[in-house]
């Protein structure tokens, strides 16, 4: 009688140990994933910080260059202002062309959708007529 009771107890303990082992493995795997994610986040934070520092350095360098500029002769100042004006004109033209392209693209999409719907309507009418003929 004692032997019959011992076998289920040993089996129960074995199952319990297996469940605990599986839980430990799952916990360790998840802990490693979390640790890896935390390391990735820290690395990304450092990269962002370095990029910010780089941007600030570039900004400071450009400010320093602006402050140290030598006065330009009148002719060169005129050339620079013409270049700036031309650049501004080109940029406004680019903006206009970009808007026109977007409008035409929208129109094309609407026309294409309209044509698809007309084709679908035509097919539905054909099928409806065919069903009506089959009913008679």
C-alpha atoms as a PDB file:
ATOM      1  CA  UNK A   1       0.000   0.000   0.000  1.00  0.00           C
ATOM      2  CA  UNK A   2       2.819   2.419   0.810  1.00  0.00           C
ATOM      3  CA  UNK A   3       4.386   1.664  -2.562  1.00  0.00           C
ATOM      4  CA  UNK A   4       1.215   2.685  -4.461  1.00  0.00           C
ATOM      5  CA  UNK A   5       1.118   6.030  -2.646  1.00  0.00           C
ATOM      6  CA  UNK A   6       4.847   6.718  -3.242  1.00  0.00           C
ATOM      7  CA  UNK A   7       4.687   6.416  -7.037  1.00  0.00           C
ATOM      8  CA  UNK A   8       2.027   9.144  -7.542  1.00  0.00           C
ATOM      9  CA  UNK A   9       3.894  11.378  -5.088  1.00  0.00           C
ATOM     10  CA  UNK A  10       7.136  10.919  -7.013  1.00  0.00           C
ATOM     11  CA  UNK A  11       5.294  11.535 -10.284  1.00  0.00           C
ATOM     12  CA  UNK A  12       3.718  14.672  -8.837  1.00  0.00           C
ATOM     13  CA  UNK A  13       7.122  15.922  -7.655  1.00  0.00           C
ATOM     14  CA  UNK A  14       8.636  15.168 -11.081  1.00  0.00           C
ATOM     15  CA  UNK A  15       5.864  17.106 -12.852  1.00  0.00           C
ATOM     16  CA  UNK A  16       6.262  19.973 -10.378  1.00  0.00           C
ATOM     17  CA  UNK A  17      10.036  20.073 -10.976  1.00  0.00           C
ATOM     18  CA  UNK A  18       9.464  20.080 -14.766  1.00  0.00           C
ATOM     19  CA  UNK A  19       7.002  22.979 -14.497  1.00  0.00           C
ATOM     20  CA  UNK A  20       9.408  24.945 -12.291  1.00  0.00           C
ATOM     21  CA  UNK A  21      12.242  24.264 -14.760  1.00  0.00           C
ATOM     22  CA  UNK A  22      10.120  25.511 -17.681  1.00  0.00           C
ATOM     23  CA  UNK A  23       9.153  28.625 -15.710  1.00  0.00           C
ATOM     24  CA  UNK A  24      12.800  29.340 -14.896  1.00  0.00           C
ATOM     25  CA  UNK A  25      13.756  28.965 -18.577  1.00  0.00           C
ATOM     26  CA  UNK A  26      10.936  31.298 -19.674  1.00  0.00           C
ATOM     27  CA  UNK A  27      11.896  33.870 -17.036  1.00  0.00           C
ATOM     28  CA  UNK A  28      15.574  33.765 -18.053  1.00  0.00           C
ATOM     29  CA  UNK A  29      14.728  34.141 -21.753  1.00  0.00           C
ATOM     30  CA  UNK A  30      12.422  37.089 -21.068  1.00  0.00           C
ATOM     31  CA  UNK A  31      14.999  38.673 -18.765  1.00  0.00           C
ATOM     32  CA  UNK A  32      17.612  38.452 -21.537  1.00  0.00           C
ATOM     33  CA  UNK A  33      15.188  40.032 -24.022  1.00  0.00           C
ATOM     34  CA  UNK A  34      14.433  42.885 -21.633  1.00  0.00           C
ATOM     35  CA  UNK A  35      18.122  43.378 -20.952  1.00  0.00           C
ATOM     36  CA  UNK A  36      18.884  43.422 -24.672  1.00  0.00           C
ATOM     37  CA  UNK A  37      16.068  45.919 -25.278  1.00  0.00           C
ATOM     38  CA  UNK A  38      17.347  48.159 -22.500  1.00  0.00           C
ATOM     39  CA  UNK A  39      20.836  48.072 -23.995  1.00  0.00           C
ATOM     40  CA  UNK A  40      19.435  48.943 -27.421  1.00  0.00           C
ATOM     41  CA  UNK A  41      17.482  51.849 -25.959  1.00  0.00           C
ATOM     42  CA  UNK A  42      20.564  53.147 -24.151  1.00  0.00           C
ATOM     43  CA  UNK A  43      22.587  52.859 -27.360  1.00  0.00           C
ATOM     44  CA  UNK A  44      19.940  54.770 -29.318  1.00  0.00           C
ATOM     45  CA  UNK A  45      19.821  57.454 -26.627  1.00  0.00           C
ATOM     46  CA  UNK A  46      23.600  57.863 -26.866  1.00  0.00           C
ATOM     47  CA  UNK A  47      23.403  58.072 -30.672  1.00  0.00           C
ATOM     48  CA  UNK A  48      20.699  60.749 -30.437  1.00  0.00           C
ATOM     49  CA  UNK A  49      22.796  62.660 -27.926  1.00  0.00           C
ATOM     50  CA  UNK A  50      25.824  62.487 -30.250  1.00  0.00           C
ATOM     51  CA  UNK A  51      23.717  63.720 -33.169  1.00  0.00           C
ATOM     52  CA  UNK A  52      22.462  66.626 -31.061  1.00  0.00           C
ATOM     53  CA  UNK A  53      26.021  67.508 -30.094  1.00  0.00           C
ATOM     54  CA  UNK A  54      27.062  67.314 -33.739  1.00  0.00           C
ATOM     55  CA  UNK A  55      24.211  69.627 -34.768  1.00  0.00           C
ATOM     56  CA  UNK A  56      25.126  72.126 -32.051  1.00  0.00           C
ATOM     57  CA  UNK A  57      28.775  72.034 -33.160  1.00  0.00           C
ATOM     58  CA  UNK A  58      27.762  72.664 -36.774  1.00  0.00           C
ATOM     59  CA  UNK A  59      25.511  75.519 -35.678  1.00  0.00           C
ATOM     60  CA  UNK A  60      28.286  77.078 -33.629  1.00  0.00           C
ATOM     61  CA  UNK A  61      30.710  76.698 -36.539  1.00  0.00           C
ATOM     62  CA  UNK A  62      28.292  78.380 -38.938  1.00  0.00           C
ATOM     63  CA  UNK A  63      27.703  81.226 -36.457  1.00  0.00           C
ATOM     64  CA  UNK A  64      31.454  81.647 -36.076  1.00  0.00           C
ATOM     65  CA  UNK A  65      31.869  81.795 -39.837  1.00  0.00           C
ATOM     66  CA  UNK A  66      29.077  84.360 -40.114  1.00  0.00           C
ATOM     67  CA  UNK A  67      30.704  86.558 -37.459  1.00  0.00           C
ATOM     68  CA  UNK A  68      34.136  86.339 -39.053  1.00  0.00           C
ATOM     69  CA  UNK A  69      33.004  87.275 -42.526  1.00  0.00           C
ATOM     70  CA  UNK A  70      34.954  89.991 -44.190  1.00  0.00           C
ATOM     71  CA  UNK A  71      32.955  92.847 -45.664  1.00  0.00           C
ATOM     72  CA  UNK A  72      32.350  92.103 -49.326  1.00  0.00           C
ATOM     73  CA  UNK A  73      32.731  94.631 -52.085  1.00  0.00           C
ATOM     74  CA  UNK A  74      29.538  96.094 -53.519  1.00  0.00           C
ATOM     75  CA  UNK A  75      29.788  94.001 -56.696  1.00  0.00           C
ATOM     76  CA  UNK A  76      30.019  90.706 -54.811  1.00  0.00           C
ATOM     77  CA  UNK A  77      27.191  91.720 -52.488  1.00  0.00           C
ATOM     78  CA  UNK A  78      25.034  92.386 -55.554  1.00  0.00           C
ATOM     79  CA  UNK A  79      25.966  88.984 -56.992  1.00  0.00           C
ATOM     80  CA  UNK A  80      25.032  87.314 -53.714  1.00  0.00           C
ATOM     81  CA  UNK A  81      21.700  89.119 -53.517  1.00  0.00           C
ATOM     82  CA  UNK A  82      20.970  88.138 -57.151  1.00  0.00           C
ATOM     83  CA  UNK A  83      21.805  84.522 -56.358  1.00  0.00           C
ATOM     84  CA  UNK A  84      19.532  84.626 -53.300  1.00  0.00           C
ATOM     85  CA  UNK A  85      16.722  86.170 -55.357  1.00  0.00           C
ATOM     86  CA  UNK A  86      17.160  83.583 -58.118  1.00  0.00           C
ATOM     87  CA  UNK A  87      17.202  80.785 -55.539  1.00  0.00           C
ATOM     88  CA  UNK A  88      14.036  82.153 -53.975  1.00  0.00           C
ATOM     89  CA  UNK A  89      12.341  82.344 -57.397  1.00  0.00           C
ATOM     90  CA  UNK A  90      13.377  78.793 -58.253  1.00  0.00           C
ATOM     91  CA  UNK A  91      12.152  77.494 -54.886  1.00  0.00           C
ATOM     92  CA  UNK A  92       8.765  79.175 -55.340  1.00  0.00           C
ATOM     93  CA  UNK A  93       8.567  77.723 -58.865  1.00  0.00           C
ATOM     94  CA  UNK A  94       9.425  74.277 -57.471  1.00  0.00           C
ATOM     95  CA  UNK A  95       6.663  74.662 -54.892  1.00  0.00           C
ATOM     96  CA  UNK A  96       4.178  75.630 -57.579  1.00  0.00           C
ATOM     97  CA  UNK A  97       5.177  72.703 -59.795  1.00  0.00           C
ATOM     98  CA  UNK A  98       4.984  70.317 -56.858  1.00  0.00           C
ATOM     99  CA  UNK A  99       1.449  71.543 -56.076  1.00  0.00           C
ATOM    100  CA  UNK A 100       0.433  71.235 -59.737  1.00  0.00           C
ATOM    101  CA  UNK A 101       1.777  67.666 -59.895  1.00  0.00           C
ATOM    102  CA  UNK A 102      -0.150  66.745 -56.748  1.00  0.00           C
ATOM    103  CA  UNK A 103      -3.352  68.240 -58.150  1.00  0.00           C
ATOM    104  CA  UNK A 104      -2.959  66.407 -61.461  1.00  0.00           C
ATOM    105  CA  UNK A 105      -2.196  63.174 -59.641  1.00  0.00           C
ATOM    106  CA  UNK A 106      -5.344  63.593 -57.556  1.00  0.00           C
ATOM    107  CA  UNK A 107      -7.348  64.275 -60.723  1.00  0.00           C
ATOM    108  CA  UNK A 108      -5.900  61.175 -62.414  1.00  0.00           C
ATOM    109  CA  UNK A 109      -6.704  59.021 -59.410  1.00  0.00           C
ATOM    110  CA  UNK A 110     -10.269  60.347 -59.319  1.00  0.00           C
ATOM    111  CA  UNK A 111     -10.731  59.756 -63.048  1.00  0.00           C
ATOM    112  CA  UNK A 112      -9.311  56.245 -62.737  1.00  0.00           C
ATOM    113  CA  UNK A 113     -11.610  55.463 -59.816  1.00  0.00           C
ATOM    114  CA  UNK A 114     -14.579  56.890 -61.752  1.00  0.00           C
ATOM    115  CA  UNK A 115     -13.774  54.692 -64.750  1.00  0.00           C
ATOM    116  CA  UNK A 116     -13.476  51.606 -62.531  1.00  0.00           C
ATOM    117  CA  UNK A 117     -16.839  52.361 -60.957  1.00  0.00           C
ATOM    118  CA  UNK A 118     -18.433  52.843 -64.385  1.00  0.00           C
ATOM    119  CA  UNK A 119     -17.029  49.495 -65.510  1.00  0.00           C
ATOM    120  CA  UNK A 120     -18.320  47.809 -62.367  1.00  0.00           C
ATOM    121  CA  UNK A 121     -21.754  49.395 -62.880  1.00  0.00           C
ATOM    122  CA  UNK A 122     -21.801  48.180 -66.474  1.00  0.00           C
ATOM    123  CA  UNK A 123     -20.876  44.642 -65.403  1.00  0.00           C
ATOM    124  CA  UNK A 124     -23.528  44.670 -62.680  1.00  0.00           C
ATOM    125  CA  UNK A 125     -26.163  45.806 -65.163  1.00  0.00           C
ATOM    126  CA  UNK A 126     -25.148  43.020 -67.560  1.00  0.00           C
ATOM    127  CA  UNK A 127     -25.362  40.433 -64.785  1.00  0.00           C
ATOM    128  CA  UNK A 128     -28.681  41.841 -63.622  1.00  0.00           C
ATOM    129  CA  UNK A 129     -30.098  41.668 -67.169  1.00  0.00           C
ATOM    130  CA  UNK A 130     -28.774  38.129 -67.513  1.00  0.00           C
ATOM    131  CA  UNK A 131     -30.408  37.108 -64.226  1.00  0.00           C
ATOM    132  CA  UNK A 132     -33.692  38.711 -65.300  1.00  0.00           C
ATOM    133  CA  UNK A 133     -33.572  36.808 -68.602  1.00  0.00           C
ATOM    134  CA  UNK A 134     -32.828  33.550 -66.776  1.00  0.00           C
ATOM    135  CA  UNK A 135     -35.784  34.177 -64.416  1.00  0.00           C
ATOM    136  CA  UNK A 136     -38.253  34.424 -67.304  1.00  0.00           C
END
